[in-house]
Amino acid sequence: QRIHTRETVIALWEQARKALEAAGAEVIEVDFPLVSNCEGDRPGAPTVFNRGIVSPEFLNDELWELSGWAFDDFLRANGDPKLKQLADVDGPKIFPHDPGTLPNREGDLAAGMDEYVKMAKRGLKRFDEIASVPDGLRGLEKTRKLDLEDWMDGLKLDAVLFPTVADVAPADADVNPASADIAWSNGIWVANGNLAIRHLGVPTVT
């Protein structure tokens, strides 16, 4: 999805740009291949799924096996005697949909939370028992090097700066379709950069 940034957010960015330039920085406008080559946000751009650097097996295991282990590990680390493991969770109560509110719009990105509980009851693998993880992590690291580190070196960039979010949706976005259109927009539902920045282990400062 195209990112539509609110004019007042752009105005704040322009203030920040002037402050940076006043301090001696050179600010240039660039694309961001880290995101483009992950999401395929323009004709001809690859995605993390079809580029061939990260295996489909890892991407599937990351979503299910690794996430399931992480949920369970989190509960065990907290040690709440009333809820100490994922297998004890009432799956349908994870992110319940409030009556009278609009449907969510995650689309293909929605994960069935109840399935993680079912996986836990069947038995979960530890992160270091998932066969695809080592090569998967190497693939993510290679992607970051190509699309961020080498790219920044080529342009002699010291940092990449952009507004954290494109806008803030109205408070009634759960019941007002017009507000929901804003809330579920790219750069608002998920911050600018989306999953790519976290997925590839890019350090950020807000």
Protein backbone atom coordinates (compact mmCIF):
# COMPACT_ATOMS: atom_id res chain seq x y z
CA GLN A 1 0.00 0.00 0.00
CA ARG A 2 1.09 3.53 -0.70
CA ILE A 3 1.90 5.57 2.42
CA HIS A 4 -0.13 8.78 2.76
CA THR A 5 1.60 10.99 5.31
CA ARG A 6 -0.41 13.68 7.09
CA GLU A 7 0.65 17.22 6.18
CA THR A 8 1.33 18.13 9.81
CA VAL A 9 3.70 15.16 10.09
CA ILE A 10 5.56 16.37 6.99
CA ALA A 11 5.75 19.84 8.55
CA LEU A 12 7.35 18.37 11.67
CA TRP A 13 9.81 16.46 9.50
CA GLU A 14 10.74 19.67 7.67
CA GLN A 15 11.47 21.31 11.03
CA ALA A 16 13.72 18.37 11.94
CA ARG A 17 15.44 18.58 8.56
CA LYS A 18 16.23 22.27 9.05
CA ALA A 19 17.64 21.55 12.50
CA LEU A 20 19.86 18.80 11.10
CA GLU A 21 21.10 21.01 8.27
CA ALA A 22 21.76 23.85 10.69
CA ALA A 23 23.95 21.46 12.65
CA GLY A 24 25.97 20.70 9.52
CA ALA A 25 24.26 17.58 8.14
CA GLU A 26 23.64 17.06 4.44
CA VAL A 27 20.12 15.65 3.95
CA ILE A 28 19.28 13.86 0.70
CA GLU A 29 16.05 12.13 -0.33
CA VAL A 30 16.39 8.43 -1.17
CA ASP A 31 14.36 5.29 -1.72
CA PHE A 32 14.49 2.57 0.93
CA PRO A 33 15.36 -0.79 -0.66
CA LEU A 34 15.22 -2.53 2.71
CA VAL A 35 11.43 -2.15 2.63
CA SER A 36 10.89 -2.24 -1.13
CA ASN A 37 12.74 -5.54 -1.54
CA CYS A 38 10.88 -7.07 1.38
CA GLU A 39 7.36 -6.01 0.44
CA GLY A 40 7.61 -5.74 -3.35
CA ASP A 41 6.10 -2.26 -3.14
CA ARG A 42 6.65 -1.38 -6.81
CA PRO A 43 6.66 -3.19 -10.17
CA GLY A 44 9.72 -5.40 -10.52
CA ALA A 45 10.66 -5.35 -6.85
CA PRO A 46 11.15 -8.74 -5.18
CA THR A 47 9.73 -9.80 -1.83
CA VAL A 48 11.25 -11.68 1.06
CA PHE A 49 9.17 -14.67 -0.10
CA ASN A 50 10.43 -14.92 -3.69
CA ARG A 51 13.94 -13.49 -3.63
CA GLY A 52 15.63 -16.79 -2.83
CA ILE A 53 17.77 -15.53 0.06
CA VAL A 54 15.48 -16.68 2.89
CA SER A 55 13.92 -20.12 2.50
CA PRO A 56 10.13 -20.66 2.48
CA GLU A 57 10.67 -23.31 5.16
CA PHE A 58 12.18 -20.77 7.55
CA LEU A 59 9.50 -18.17 6.86
CA ASN A 60 6.83 -20.73 7.72
CA ASP A 61 8.68 -22.04 10.78
CA GLU A 62 9.32 -18.49 11.96
CA LEU A 63 5.60 -17.69 11.89
CA TRP A 64 4.50 -20.89 13.60
CA GLU A 65 7.18 -22.97 15.32
CA LEU A 66 9.38 -20.09 16.47
CA SER A 67 6.49 -17.83 17.47
CA GLY A 68 4.80 -20.66 19.36
CA TRP A 69 7.99 -21.36 21.29
CA ALA A 70 8.39 -17.63 22.05
CA PHE A 71 4.82 -17.34 23.40
CA ASP A 72 5.36 -20.36 25.63
CA ASP A 73 8.82 -19.23 26.76
CA PHE A 74 7.40 -15.82 27.70
CA LEU A 75 4.71 -17.34 29.90
CA ARG A 76 7.16 -19.72 31.55
CA ALA A 77 9.63 -16.89 32.23
CA ASN A 78 6.89 -14.83 33.90
CA GLY A 79 6.03 -17.74 36.16
CA ASP A 80 2.42 -16.74 36.84
CA PRO A 81 1.04 -19.72 38.80
CA LYS A 82 -2.38 -19.18 37.20
CA LEU A 83 -1.02 -19.24 33.65
CA LYS A 84 2.46 -20.67 33.32
CA GLN A 85 2.44 -22.24 29.86
CA LEU A 86 0.84 -21.70 26.47
CA ALA A 87 -0.99 -25.03 26.56
CA ASP A 88 -3.13 -23.71 29.45
CA VAL A 89 -4.36 -20.65 27.54
CA ASP A 90 -7.96 -20.42 26.32
CA GLY A 91 -7.09 -19.88 22.65
CA PRO A 92 -10.26 -18.09 21.47
CA LYS A 93 -9.72 -15.46 24.19
CA ILE A 94 -6.44 -14.28 22.65
CA PHE A 95 -7.23 -10.93 21.00
CA PRO A 96 -11.02 -11.40 21.27
CA HIS A 97 -13.14 -9.34 18.91
CA ASP A 98 -15.27 -6.88 20.87
CA PRO A 99 -18.99 -7.07 20.06
CA GLY A 100 -20.22 -4.14 18.00
CA THR A 101 -16.82 -3.25 16.56
CA LEU A 102 -15.73 -3.34 12.94
CA PRO A 103 -13.93 -6.42 11.60
CA ASN A 104 -10.15 -6.40 11.55
CA ARG A 105 -8.34 -5.93 8.26
CA GLU A 106 -5.12 -7.90 8.62
CA GLY A 107 -6.01 -10.00 5.58
CA ASP A 108 -3.25 -12.46 4.74
CA LEU A 109 -1.19 -11.20 7.69
CA ALA A 110 -3.70 -12.50 10.24
CA ALA A 111 -2.42 -15.42 12.31
CA GLY A 112 -4.87 -17.80 13.98
CA MET A 113 -3.88 -17.35 17.62
CA ASP A 114 -5.85 -20.40 18.73
CA GLU A 115 -3.59 -22.55 16.55
CA TYR A 116 -0.58 -21.66 18.73
CA VAL A 117 -2.36 -23.12 21.75
CA LYS A 118 -3.16 -26.29 19.81
CA MET A 119 0.51 -26.53 18.82
CA ALA A 120 1.54 -26.18 22.47
CA LYS A 121 -0.76 -29.00 23.48
CA ARG A 122 0.79 -31.21 20.79
CA GLY A 123 4.29 -30.24 21.94
CA LEU A 124 6.57 -27.37 20.90
CA LYS A 125 10.14 -27.42 19.67
CA ARG A 126 12.72 -25.18 21.31
CA PHE A 127 14.15 -22.46 19.08
CA ASP A 128 17.41 -24.38 18.75
CA GLU A 129 15.56 -27.53 17.66
CA ILE A 130 13.97 -25.90 14.59
CA ALA A 131 16.10 -27.07 11.67
CA SER A 132 15.50 -24.06 9.42
CA VAL A 133 16.53 -21.41 11.95
CA PRO A 134 20.35 -21.23 11.43
CA ASP A 135 20.19 -20.79 7.65
CA GLY A 136 17.11 -18.60 8.00
CA LEU A 137 18.94 -16.18 10.27
CA ARG A 138 21.90 -16.12 7.91
CA GLY A 139 19.51 -15.26 5.08
CA LEU A 140 17.99 -12.40 7.04
CA GLU A 141 21.45 -11.10 7.89
CA LYS A 142 22.53 -11.28 4.24
CA THR A 143 19.39 -9.40 3.22
CA ARG A 144 20.10 -6.65 5.74
CA LYS A 145 23.69 -6.34 4.52
CA LEU A 146 22.64 -6.06 0.87
CA ASP A 147 19.67 -3.75 1.29
CA LEU A 148 20.83 -1.56 4.16
CA GLU A 149 24.52 -1.73 5.01
CA ASP A 150 25.95 -2.00 1.48
CA TRP A 151 23.35 0.47 0.18
CA MET A 152 24.22 3.02 2.89
CA ASP A 153 27.93 2.56 2.23
CA GLY A 154 27.38 3.09 -1.49
CA LEU A 155 25.57 6.38 -0.91
CA LYS A 156 27.86 7.35 2.01
CA LEU A 157 24.89 7.65 4.37
CA ASP A 158 25.34 7.91 8.12
CA ALA A 159 21.66 7.41 8.98
CA VAL A 160 18.23 6.93 7.43
CA LEU A 161 15.59 9.24 8.89
CA PHE A 162 11.82 9.20 8.39
CA PRO A 163 8.65 9.89 10.39
CA THR A 164 7.86 6.98 12.70
CA VAL A 165 4.20 6.98 11.69
CA ALA A 166 2.32 8.63 8.85
CA ASP A 167 -0.65 9.72 10.97
CA VAL A 168 -2.63 8.90 14.10
CA ALA A 169 -6.15 7.57 13.56
CA PRO A 170 -9.22 8.95 15.35
CA ALA A 171 -10.22 7.23 18.59
CA ASP A 172 -13.41 5.81 17.08
CA ALA A 173 -11.58 3.71 14.50
CA ASP A 174 -13.08 0.56 16.01
CA VAL A 175 -16.63 1.62 15.10
CA ASN A 176 -16.36 4.32 12.41
CA PRO A 177 -15.49 3.00 8.91
CA ALA A 178 -13.96 6.32 7.82
CA SER A 179 -11.69 6.35 10.87
CA ALA A 180 -10.89 2.68 10.33
CA ASP A 181 -9.71 3.51 6.80
CA ILE A 182 -7.09 5.75 8.37
CA ALA A 183 -6.20 3.36 11.20
CA TRP A 184 -5.60 0.41 8.87
CA SER A 185 -3.48 2.38 6.39
CA ASN A 186 0.17 1.61 5.71
CA GLY A 187 2.36 3.61 8.07
CA ILE A 188 -0.42 3.87 10.67
CA TRP A 189 -1.67 0.37 11.44
CA VAL A 190 1.99 -0.64 11.46
CA ALA A 191 4.62 2.08 11.70
CA ASN A 192 6.60 3.19 8.65
CA GLY A 193 8.94 0.43 7.57
CA ASN A 194 6.51 -2.22 8.74
CA LEU A 195 7.85 -5.66 9.50
CA ALA A 196 11.06 -5.32 7.47
CA ILE A 197 12.95 -3.22 10.02
CA ARG A 198 12.31 -5.60 12.91
CA HIS A 199 12.52 -8.74 10.79
CA LEU A 200 16.00 -7.83 9.59
CA GLY A 201 17.31 -6.68 12.97
CA VAL A 202 17.83 -3.02 12.10
CA PRO A 203 18.59 -0.85 15.16
CA THR A 204 16.38 2.22 15.43
CA VAL A 205 16.00 5.25 17.68
CA THR A 206 12.66 7.05 18.04
